[in-house]
Amino acid sequence: MQSAFYTAAEIRERLSISTLVLLRYKPLCEQSLTELVENGIGRIELIESLEQYDFSDRDSMRYVGQICSAVGVQIAAYHAHKTNLNHVDTELRRREWVERCKHQIDTLAELGGTVWGCHAGDTQDGVVKKSYEELARHCEGTSVVITVENFSRDGVFVEDRVRFLDELDPPTVGMILDVGHVRDGGHQNPMTRAGGPTEVVGICAHRLKNIHLHGFVDTDHYPPFYEGDRIQWVELFRMLKSVDYEGLINFEPSTKRARKGVIEVIGAFPERIVEMANGSP
């Protein structure tokens, strides 16, 4: 019989952190990555940082891979948030965008990563659909999936993203559920109220390939359990377990929200959430 909740070991086995936690605070280097490993975090979602490395350049990413390997960190995902479709206004530019993304997917696969995602933008004009169809074909025969993320504005809510993915439908495309970006009809975050995580995960579970986790106070990107954090963590993880979510347990805190002790909090999360689920304070 399947357990109704994760064990700490099950969570830690998939525990990951976005390098947003380092952005504009610490460079990506052996010293900063060693801090992750010392806190039990062995996987990263590498956020785009053009001043440090280029996802689409094989030599650049091989060098980053060597740094990570030296300390025992696995690059699990790319978050290409700057590689977006905001300025793609001609077919030539769209094709150039797709080729750049293909190169990024190739370097990710070489490093052993499995999830590529970007801030795709509104999917209603057909540009994103056509581009993602081409990227999906490029991923066939590899272990990489490409993803689209929800945001807190009309046209890119969770429901919009699921509708887009259901129309697209290839197995190499899925969704990043960002728990801080979710909004309901009243523009409130349902992940902060009882029943909300169950409802939201239920909508997107069949397309869910990755998750961005962070605390939500007045806004998002706080570490979990930060003072005033209202995310319904136990309910969220019960629901992820119940739908057999198989992706990363990936945190995306920003040092702009809270710097001191963020990595330690993420490292201690598996034991903390299991204690909460078992009724400990």
C-alpha atoms as a PDB file:
ATOM      1  CA  MET A   1       0.000   0.000   0.000  1.00  0.00           C
ATOM      2  CA  GLN A   2       1.359   3.405  -0.992  1.00  0.00           C
ATOM      3  CA  SER A   3       2.078   5.842   1.828  1.00  0.00           C
ATOM      4  CA  ALA A   4      -0.079   8.998   1.903  1.00  0.00           C
ATOM      5  CA  PHE A   5       2.973  11.183   2.381  1.00  0.00           C
ATOM      6  CA  TYR A   6       6.599  11.298   1.348  1.00  0.00           C
ATOM      7  CA  THR A   7       9.453  10.213   3.550  1.00  0.00           C
ATOM      8  CA  ALA A   8      12.248  12.713   4.111  1.00  0.00           C
ATOM      9  CA  ALA A   9      14.529  10.456   2.069  1.00  0.00           C
ATOM     10  CA  GLU A  10      12.125  10.471  -0.889  1.00  0.00           C
ATOM     11  CA  ILE A  11      12.044  14.270  -0.898  1.00  0.00           C
ATOM     12  CA  ARG A  12      15.802  14.632  -0.502  1.00  0.00           C
ATOM     13  CA  GLU A  13      16.391  12.232  -3.388  1.00  0.00           C
ATOM     14  CA  ARG A  14      14.715  14.776  -5.698  1.00  0.00           C
ATOM     15  CA  LEU A  15      15.584  17.970  -3.813  1.00  0.00           C
ATOM     16  CA  SER A  16      16.804  20.756  -6.086  1.00  0.00           C
ATOM     17  CA  ILE A  17      17.377  24.491  -5.855  1.00  0.00           C
ATOM     18  CA  SER A  18      17.373  27.214  -8.464  1.00  0.00           C
ATOM     19  CA  THR A  19      20.597  29.182  -8.812  1.00  0.00           C
ATOM     20  CA  LEU A  20      18.377  32.261  -8.502  1.00  0.00           C
ATOM     21  CA  VAL A  21      19.463  31.926  -4.864  1.00  0.00           C
ATOM     22  CA  LEU A  22      22.974  32.910  -6.012  1.00  0.00           C
ATOM     23  CA  LEU A  23      22.095  35.489  -8.662  1.00  0.00           C
ATOM     24  CA  ARG A  24      23.572  38.935  -7.919  1.00  0.00           C
ATOM     25  CA  TYR A  25      24.785  37.577  -4.584  1.00  0.00           C
ATOM     26  CA  LYS A  26      27.386  34.904  -5.300  1.00  0.00           C
ATOM     27  CA  PRO A  27      28.917  33.709  -8.592  1.00  0.00           C
ATOM     28  CA  LEU A  28      28.414  30.145  -9.729  1.00  0.00           C
ATOM     29  CA  CYS A  29      31.655  28.586  -8.524  1.00  0.00           C
ATOM     30  CA  GLU A  30      32.930  25.645  -6.495  1.00  0.00           C
ATOM     31  CA  GLN A  31      32.660  27.604  -3.253  1.00  0.00           C
ATOM     32  CA  SER A  32      29.010  28.587  -3.721  1.00  0.00           C
ATOM     33  CA  LEU A  33      28.047  25.102  -4.926  1.00  0.00           C
ATOM     34  CA  THR A  34      29.861  23.450  -2.018  1.00  0.00           C
ATOM     35  CA  GLU A  35      27.521  25.328   0.328  1.00  0.00           C
ATOM     36  CA  LEU A  36      24.600  23.570  -1.353  1.00  0.00           C
ATOM     37  CA  VAL A  37      26.184  20.133  -1.006  1.00  0.00           C
ATOM     38  CA  GLU A  38      27.010  20.772   2.653  1.00  0.00           C
ATOM     39  CA  ASN A  39      23.291  21.353   3.223  1.00  0.00           C
ATOM     40  CA  GLY A  40      22.206  18.165   1.460  1.00  0.00           C
ATOM     41  CA  ILE A  41      21.254  19.740  -1.878  1.00  0.00           C
ATOM     42  CA  GLY A  42      22.812  17.871  -4.777  1.00  0.00           C
ATOM     43  CA  ARG A  43      20.765  19.139  -7.746  1.00  0.00           C
ATOM     44  CA  ILE A  44      20.306  22.551  -9.292  1.00  0.00           C
ATOM     45  CA  GLU A  45      18.034  24.246 -11.760  1.00  0.00           C
ATOM     46  CA  LEU A  46      20.479  26.512 -13.543  1.00  0.00           C
ATOM     47  CA  ILE A  47      18.997  29.946 -14.159  1.00  0.00           C
ATOM     48  CA  GLU A  48      20.131  31.878 -17.209  1.00  0.00           C
ATOM     49  CA  SER A  49      22.981  34.259 -16.349  1.00  0.00           C
ATOM     50  CA  LEU A  50      24.468  35.628 -19.558  1.00  0.00           C
ATOM     51  CA  GLU A  51      27.308  37.416 -17.793  1.00  0.00           C
ATOM     52  CA  GLN A  52      28.564  34.051 -16.479  1.00  0.00           C
ATOM     53  CA  TYR A  53      27.684  31.419 -19.112  1.00  0.00           C
ATOM     54  CA  ASP A  54      25.692  30.787 -22.271  1.00  0.00           C
ATOM     55  CA  PHE A  55      23.235  27.862 -22.317  1.00  0.00           C
ATOM     56  CA  SER A  56      23.546  27.597 -26.100  1.00  0.00           C
ATOM     57  CA  ASP A  57      27.349  27.404 -26.159  1.00  0.00           C
ATOM     58  CA  ARG A  58      28.776  23.887 -25.740  1.00  0.00           C
ATOM     59  CA  ASP A  59      32.187  25.007 -24.444  1.00  0.00           C
ATOM     60  CA  SER A  60      30.649  27.407 -21.943  1.00  0.00           C
ATOM     61  CA  MET A  61      28.333  24.770 -20.533  1.00  0.00           C
ATOM     62  CA  ARG A  62      30.979  22.055 -20.459  1.00  0.00           C
ATOM     63  CA  TYR A  63      33.010  24.376 -18.233  1.00  0.00           C
ATOM     64  CA  VAL A  64      30.005  24.918 -15.953  1.00  0.00           C
ATOM     65  CA  GLY A  65      29.474  21.169 -15.907  1.00  0.00           C
ATOM     66  CA  GLN A  66      33.064  20.627 -14.794  1.00  0.00           C
ATOM     67  CA  ILE A  67      32.596  23.047 -11.889  1.00  0.00           C
ATOM     68  CA  CYS A  68      29.452  21.212 -10.809  1.00  0.00           C
ATOM     69  CA  SER A  69      31.004  17.761 -11.157  1.00  0.00           C
ATOM     70  CA  ALA A  70      33.982  18.807  -9.051  1.00  0.00           C
ATOM     71  CA  VAL A  71      31.738  19.301  -6.009  1.00  0.00           C
ATOM     72  CA  GLY A  72      29.138  16.613  -6.742  1.00  0.00           C
ATOM     73  CA  VAL A  73      26.266  18.776  -8.016  1.00  0.00           C
ATOM     74  CA  GLN A  74      23.998  17.577 -10.831  1.00  0.00           C
ATOM     75  CA  ILE A  75      22.544  20.101 -13.291  1.00  0.00           C
ATOM     76  CA  ALA A  76      18.975  18.843 -13.477  1.00  0.00           C
ATOM     77  CA  ALA A  77      17.277  21.676 -15.360  1.00  0.00           C
ATOM     78  CA  TYR A  78      17.748  24.909 -17.288  1.00  0.00           C
ATOM     79  CA  HIS A  79      15.498  27.885 -16.608  1.00  0.00           C
ATOM     80  CA  ALA A  80      16.011  30.044 -19.696  1.00  0.00           C
ATOM     81  CA  HIS A  81      13.997  32.993 -18.414  1.00  0.00           C
ATOM     82  CA  LYS A  82      15.799  35.517 -20.648  1.00  0.00           C
ATOM     83  CA  THR A  83      15.337  33.420 -23.787  1.00  0.00           C
ATOM     84  CA  ASN A  84      11.740  34.513 -24.307  1.00  0.00           C
ATOM     85  CA  LEU A  85       9.508  35.360 -27.240  1.00  0.00           C
ATOM     86  CA  ASN A  86       8.907  38.995 -26.271  1.00  0.00           C
ATOM     87  CA  HIS A  87      10.730  40.461 -29.280  1.00  0.00           C
ATOM     88  CA  VAL A  88      10.004  37.741 -31.833  1.00  0.00           C
ATOM     89  CA  ASP A  89       8.029  39.749 -34.396  1.00  0.00           C
ATOM     90  CA  THR A  90       9.016  38.065 -37.676  1.00  0.00           C
ATOM     91  CA  GLU A  91       9.283  34.487 -38.897  1.00  0.00           C
ATOM     92  CA  LEU A  92      13.045  34.922 -39.278  1.00  0.00           C
ATOM     93  CA  ARG A  93      13.397  35.938 -35.640  1.00  0.00           C
ATOM     94  CA  ARG A  94      11.161  33.064 -34.569  1.00  0.00           C
ATOM     95  CA  ARG A  95      13.348  30.553 -36.394  1.00  0.00           C
ATOM     96  CA  GLU A  96      16.463  32.111 -34.843  1.00  0.00           C
ATOM     97  CA  TRP A  97      14.822  31.782 -31.413  1.00  0.00           C
ATOM     98  CA  VAL A  98      14.013  28.119 -32.036  1.00  0.00           C
ATOM     99  CA  GLU A  99      17.578  27.364 -33.154  1.00  0.00           C
ATOM    100  CA  ARG A 100      19.001  29.011 -30.037  1.00  0.00           C
ATOM    101  CA  CYS A 101      16.659  26.955 -27.865  1.00  0.00           C
ATOM    102  CA  LYS A 102      17.647  23.760 -29.671  1.00  0.00           C
ATOM    103  CA  HIS A 103      21.299  24.468 -28.858  1.00  0.00           C
ATOM    104  CA  GLN A 104      20.341  25.029 -25.211  1.00  0.00           C
ATOM    105  CA  ILE A 105      18.464  21.725 -25.107  1.00  0.00           C
ATOM    106  CA  ASP A 106      21.476  19.955 -26.631  1.00  0.00           C
ATOM    107  CA  THR A 107      23.917  21.280 -24.008  1.00  0.00           C
ATOM    108  CA  LEU A 108      21.453  20.395 -21.243  1.00  0.00           C
ATOM    109  CA  ALA A 109      21.235  16.817 -22.519  1.00  0.00           C
ATOM    110  CA  GLU A 110      25.039  16.581 -22.621  1.00  0.00           C
ATOM    111  CA  LEU A 111      25.149  17.588 -18.945  1.00  0.00           C
ATOM    112  CA  GLY A 112      22.558  14.958 -17.988  1.00  0.00           C
ATOM    113  CA  GLY A 113      19.738  17.431 -17.335  1.00  0.00           C
ATOM    114  CA  THR A 114      16.144  16.600 -18.168  1.00  0.00           C
ATOM    115  CA  VAL A 115      14.000  19.766 -17.925  1.00  0.00           C
ATOM    116  CA  TRP A 116      14.233  22.892 -20.094  1.00  0.00           C
ATOM    117  CA  GLY A 117      11.885  25.830 -19.561  1.00  0.00           C
ATOM    118  CA  CYS A 118      11.531  29.471 -20.525  1.00  0.00           C
ATOM    119  CA  HIS A 119       9.130  32.386 -20.063  1.00  0.00           C
ATOM    120  CA  ALA A 120       7.268  31.641 -23.269  1.00  0.00           C
ATOM    121  CA  GLY A 121       4.704  34.441 -23.131  1.00  0.00           C
ATOM    122  CA  ASP A 122       1.101  34.472 -24.303  1.00  0.00           C
ATOM    123  CA  THR A 123       0.214  31.357 -26.317  1.00  0.00           C
ATOM    124  CA  GLN A 124      -2.820  32.763 -28.132  1.00  0.00           C
ATOM    125  CA  ASP A 125      -1.124  34.094 -31.281  1.00  0.00           C
ATOM    126  CA  GLY A 126       0.223  30.740 -32.495  1.00  0.00           C
ATOM    127  CA  VAL A 127       3.914  31.712 -32.360  1.00  0.00           C
ATOM    128  CA  VAL A 128       4.554  29.832 -29.117  1.00  0.00           C
ATOM    129  CA  LYS A 129       2.605  26.788 -30.316  1.00  0.00           C
ATOM    130  CA  LYS A 130       4.532  26.543 -33.580  1.00  0.00           C
ATOM    131  CA  SER A 131       7.857  27.037 -31.802  1.00  0.00           C
ATOM    132  CA  TYR A 132       7.117  24.496 -29.071  1.00  0.00           C
ATOM    133  CA  GLU A 133       6.021  21.947 -31.661  1.00  0.00           C
ATOM    134  CA  GLU A 134       9.423  22.272 -33.323  1.00  0.00           C
ATOM    135  CA  LEU A 135      11.252  22.039 -30.004  1.00  0.00           C
ATOM    136  CA  ALA A 136       9.183  19.002 -29.018  1.00  0.00           C
ATOM    137  CA  ARG A 137      10.252  17.205 -32.186  1.00  0.00           C
ATOM    138  CA  HIS A 138      13.858  18.124 -31.429  1.00  0.00           C
ATOM    139  CA  CYS A 139      13.543  16.439 -28.019  1.00  0.00           C
ATOM    140  CA  GLU A 140      12.238  13.155 -29.397  1.00  0.00           C
ATOM    141  CA  GLY A 141      14.565  10.306 -28.540  1.00  0.00           C
ATOM    142  CA  THR A 142      16.197  12.248 -25.691  1.00  0.00           C
ATOM    143  CA  SER A 143      15.473  12.397 -21.962  1.00  0.00           C
ATOM    144  CA  VAL A 144      14.726  16.139 -22.106  1.00  0.00           C
ATOM    145  CA  VAL A 145      11.256  17.637 -21.729  1.00  0.00           C
ATOM    146  CA  ILE A 146      10.460  21.262 -22.490  1.00  0.00           C
ATOM    147  CA  THR A 147       8.158  23.196 -20.211  1.00  0.00           C
ATOM    148  CA  VAL A 148       5.970  26.263 -20.015  1.00  0.00           C
ATOM    149  CA  GLU A 149       5.393  28.144 -16.747  1.00  0.00           C
ATOM    150  CA  ASN A 150       2.254  29.745 -15.321  1.00  0.00           C
ATOM    151  CA  PHE A 151       2.170  33.422 -14.359  1.00  0.00           C
ATOM    152  CA  SER A 152      -0.133  35.771 -12.472  1.00  0.00           C
ATOM    153  CA  ARG A 153      -1.734  37.609 -15.389  1.00  0.00           C
ATOM    154  CA  ASP A 154      -4.545  36.929 -17.834  1.00  0.00           C
ATOM    155  CA  GLY A 155      -3.713  34.501 -20.626  1.00  0.00           C
ATOM    156  CA  VAL A 156      -0.974  32.646 -18.743  1.00  0.00           C
ATOM    157  CA  PHE A 157      -2.797  31.319 -15.671  1.00  0.00           C
ATOM    158  CA  VAL A 158      -2.520  27.617 -14.795  1.00  0.00           C
ATOM    159  CA  GLU A 159      -5.715  26.881 -16.705  1.00  0.00           C
ATOM    160  CA  ASP A 160      -4.400  28.693 -19.798  1.00  0.00           C
ATOM    161  CA  ARG A 161      -1.158  26.746 -19.746  1.00  0.00           C
ATOM    162  CA  VAL A 162      -2.953  23.407 -19.343  1.00  0.00           C
ATOM    163  CA  ARG A 163      -5.291  24.256 -22.224  1.00  0.00           C
ATOM    164  CA  PHE A 164      -2.283  25.079 -24.408  1.00  0.00           C
ATOM    165  CA  LEU A 165      -0.514  21.846 -23.466  1.00  0.00           C
ATOM    166  CA  ASP A 166      -3.623  19.731 -24.008  1.00  0.00           C
ATOM    167  CA  GLU A 167      -3.904  21.150 -27.536  1.00  0.00           C
ATOM    168  CA  LEU A 168      -0.185  20.617 -28.166  1.00  0.00           C
ATOM    169  CA  ASP A 169      -0.092  17.180 -26.527  1.00  0.00           C
ATOM    170  CA  PRO A 170       3.381  15.675 -27.282  1.00  0.00           C
ATOM    171  CA  PRO A 171       4.942  13.762 -24.360  1.00  0.00           C
ATOM    172  CA  THR A 172       8.118  15.861 -24.609  1.00  0.00           C
ATOM    173  CA  VAL A 173       6.248  19.020 -23.472  1.00  0.00           C
ATOM    174  CA  GLY A 174       4.868  19.754 -20.019  1.00  0.00           C
ATOM    175  CA  MET A 175       4.291  22.373 -17.359  1.00  0.00           C
ATOM    176  CA  ILE A 176       6.231  24.095 -14.610  1.00  0.00           C
ATOM    177  CA  LEU A 177       3.823  24.846 -11.781  1.00  0.00           C
ATOM    178  CA  ASP A 178       5.086  27.955 -10.017  1.00  0.00           C
ATOM    179  CA  VAL A 179       3.263  28.042  -6.679  1.00  0.00           C
ATOM    180  CA  GLY A 180       3.872  31.758  -6.190  1.00  0.00           C
ATOM    181  CA  HIS A 181       2.427  32.776  -9.550  1.00  0.00           C
ATOM    182  CA  VAL A 182      -0.925  30.994  -9.196  1.00  0.00           C
ATOM    183  CA  ARG A 183      -4.011  33.239  -9.140  1.00  0.00           C
ATOM    184  CA  ASP A 184      -7.738  32.591  -8.943  1.00  0.00           C
ATOM    185  CA  GLY A 185     -10.599  34.651 -10.358  1.00  0.00           C
ATOM    186  CA  GLY A 186     -10.169  37.215  -7.598  1.00  0.00           C
ATOM    187  CA  HIS A 187      -6.425  37.451  -8.295  1.00  0.00           C
ATOM    188  CA  GLN A 188      -5.621  35.816  -4.958  1.00  0.00           C
ATOM    189  CA  ASN A 189      -3.121  32.976  -4.644  1.00  0.00           C
ATOM    190  CA  PRO A 190      -5.123  29.790  -3.921  1.00  0.00           C
ATOM    191  CA  MET A 191      -1.954  27.986  -2.773  1.00  0.00           C
ATOM    192  CA  THR A 192      -2.277  30.025   0.442  1.00  0.00           C
ATOM    193  CA  ARG A 193      -5.710  28.700   1.475  1.00  0.00           C
ATOM    194  CA  ALA A 194      -6.910  25.272   2.516  1.00  0.00           C
ATOM    195  CA  GLY A 195      -8.107  23.301  -0.490  1.00  0.00           C
ATOM    196  CA  GLY A 196      -6.227  25.479  -2.948  1.00  0.00           C
ATOM    197  CA  PRO A 197      -3.233  23.194  -3.610  1.00  0.00           C
ATOM    198  CA  THR A 198      -5.549  20.225  -4.105  1.00  0.00           C
ATOM    199  CA  GLU A 199      -7.567  22.156  -6.671  1.00  0.00           C
ATOM    200  CA  VAL A 200      -4.586  23.583  -8.561  1.00  0.00           C
ATOM    201  CA  VAL A 201      -2.502  20.395  -8.708  1.00  0.00           C
ATOM    202  CA  GLY A 202      -5.618  18.528  -9.761  1.00  0.00           C
ATOM    203  CA  ILE A 203      -5.952  20.828 -12.781  1.00  0.00           C
ATOM    204  CA  CYS A 204      -2.387  20.438 -14.025  1.00  0.00           C
ATOM    205  CA  ALA A 205      -1.212  17.059 -12.670  1.00  0.00           C
ATOM    206  CA  HIS A 206      -1.470  15.278 -16.025  1.00  0.00           C
ATOM    207  CA  ARG A 207       0.922  17.847 -17.559  1.00  0.00           C
ATOM    208  CA  LEU A 208       3.188  18.511 -14.582  1.00  0.00           C
ATOM    209  CA  LYS A 209       6.919  18.056 -15.281  1.00  0.00           C
ATOM    210  CA  ASN A 210       8.562  20.492 -12.850  1.00  0.00           C
ATOM    211  CA  ILE A 211       7.660  22.718  -9.933  1.00  0.00           C
ATOM    212  CA  HIS A 212       8.924  26.053  -8.611  1.00  0.00           C
ATOM    213  CA  LEU A 213       8.520  26.161  -4.857  1.00  0.00           C
ATOM    214  CA  HIS A 214       8.881  29.197  -2.650  1.00  0.00           C
ATOM    215  CA  GLY A 215       7.213  30.867   0.256  1.00  0.00           C
ATOM    216  CA  PHE A 216       4.497  33.456  -0.354  1.00  0.00           C
ATOM    217  CA  VAL A 217       4.071  36.371   2.024  1.00  0.00           C
ATOM    218  CA  ASP A 218       2.989  39.583   0.310  1.00  0.00           C
ATOM    219  CA  THR A 219       4.569  38.272  -2.871  1.00  0.00           C
ATOM    220  CA  ASP A 220       6.602  35.250  -3.974  1.00  0.00           C
ATOM    221  CA  HIS A 221      10.195  33.921  -3.962  1.00  0.00           C
ATOM    222  CA  TYR A 222      10.593  33.791  -0.186  1.00  0.00           C
ATOM    223  CA  PRO A 223      12.138  30.689   1.377  1.00  0.00           C
ATOM    224  CA  PRO A 224       9.603  28.207   2.778  1.00  0.00           C
ATOM    225  CA  PHE A 225       8.408  28.890   6.328  1.00  0.00           C
ATOM    226  CA  TYR A 226       9.607  32.505   6.218  1.00  0.00           C
ATOM    227  CA  GLU A 227       7.726  34.667   8.714  1.00  0.00           C
ATOM    228  CA  GLY A 228       4.249  35.214   7.286  1.00  0.00           C
ATOM    229  CA  ASP A 229       4.574  32.483   4.642  1.00  0.00           C
ATOM    230  CA  ARG A 230       1.050  31.309   3.750  1.00  0.00           C
ATOM    231  CA  ILE A 231       1.711  28.437   1.333  1.00  0.00           C
ATOM    232  CA  GLN A 232      -0.203  25.307   2.421  1.00  0.00           C
ATOM    233  CA  TRP A 233       2.898  23.136   2.359  1.00  0.00           C
ATOM    234  CA  VAL A 234       1.554  19.898   3.834  1.00  0.00           C
ATOM    235  CA  GLU A 235      -1.520  19.880   1.614  1.00  0.00           C
ATOM    236  CA  LEU A 236       0.617  20.655  -1.430  1.00  0.00           C
ATOM    237  CA  PHE A 237       2.965  17.749  -0.794  1.00  0.00           C
ATOM    238  CA  ARG A 238       0.110  15.377   0.022  1.00  0.00           C
ATOM    239  CA  MET A 239      -1.404  16.229  -3.334  1.00  0.00           C
ATOM    240  CA  LEU A 240       1.881  15.861  -5.237  1.00  0.00           C
ATOM    241  CA  LYS A 241       2.268  12.425  -3.658  1.00  0.00           C
ATOM    242  CA  SER A 242      -1.297  11.416  -4.473  1.00  0.00           C
ATOM    243  CA  VAL A 243      -0.947  12.260  -8.178  1.00  0.00           C
ATOM    244  CA  ASP A 244       2.412  10.434  -8.411  1.00  0.00           C
ATOM    245  CA  TYR A 245       4.346  13.548  -9.386  1.00  0.00           C
ATOM    246  CA  GLU A 246       7.755  12.264 -10.506  1.00  0.00           C
ATOM    247  CA  GLY A 247       9.689  15.485 -11.123  1.00  0.00           C
ATOM    248  CA  LEU A 248      12.128  17.534  -9.100  1.00  0.00           C
ATOM    249  CA  ILE A 249      11.296  18.980  -5.699  1.00  0.00           C
ATOM    250  CA  ASN A 250      12.703  22.281  -6.890  1.00  0.00           C
ATOM    251  CA  PHE A 251      12.909  25.439  -4.775  1.00  0.00           C
ATOM    252  CA  GLU A 252      13.245  28.921  -6.276  1.00  0.00           C
ATOM    253  CA  PRO A 253      13.931  31.405  -3.453  1.00  0.00           C
ATOM    254  CA  SER A 254      15.442  34.781  -4.220  1.00  0.00           C
ATOM    255  CA  THR A 255      18.045  36.442  -2.036  1.00  0.00           C
ATOM    256  CA  LYS A 256      16.221  39.720  -2.756  1.00  0.00           C
ATOM    257  CA  ARG A 257      13.489  38.490  -0.400  1.00  0.00           C
ATOM    258  CA  ALA A 258      15.594  36.902   2.343  1.00  0.00           C
ATOM    259  CA  ARG A 259      19.328  36.267   2.220  1.00  0.00           C
ATOM    260  CA  LYS A 260      20.498  34.879   5.539  1.00  0.00           C
ATOM    261  CA  GLY A 261      20.015  31.161   6.051  1.00  0.00           C
ATOM    262  CA  VAL A 262      18.048  30.509   2.854  1.00  0.00           C
ATOM    263  CA  ILE A 263      20.134  27.534   1.731  1.00  0.00           C
ATOM    264  CA  GLU A 264      20.041  26.007   5.228  1.00  0.00           C
ATOM    265  CA  VAL A 265      16.232  26.263   5.261  1.00  0.00           C
ATOM    266  CA  ILE A 266      15.951  24.477   1.906  1.00  0.00           C
ATOM    267  CA  GLY A 267      18.410  21.815   3.042  1.00  0.00           C
ATOM    268  CA  ALA A 268      16.352  21.129   6.160  1.00  0.00           C
ATOM    269  CA  PHE A 269      13.023  21.109   4.291  1.00  0.00           C
ATOM    270  CA  PRO A 270      12.587  17.323   3.842  1.00  0.00           C
ATOM    271  CA  GLU A 271      12.680  16.617   7.577  1.00  0.00           C
ATOM    272  CA  ARG A 272      10.660  19.733   8.428  1.00  0.00           C
ATOM    273  CA  ILE A 273       7.756  18.984   6.077  1.00  0.00           C
ATOM    274  CA  VAL A 274       7.552  15.338   7.205  1.00  0.00           C
ATOM    275  CA  GLU A 275       7.417  16.477  10.840  1.00  0.00           C
ATOM    276  CA  MET A 276       4.612  18.906   9.964  1.00  0.00           C
ATOM    277  CA  ALA A 277       2.693  16.172   8.135  1.00  0.00           C
ATOM    278  CA  ASN A 278       3.016  13.965  11.188  1.00  0.00           C
ATOM    279  CA  GLY A 279       1.597  16.681  13.399  1.00  0.00           C
ATOM    280  CA  SER A 280       4.773  18.067  14.941  1.00  0.00           C
ATOM    281  CA  PRO A 281       4.877  21.838  15.451  1.00  0.00           C
END
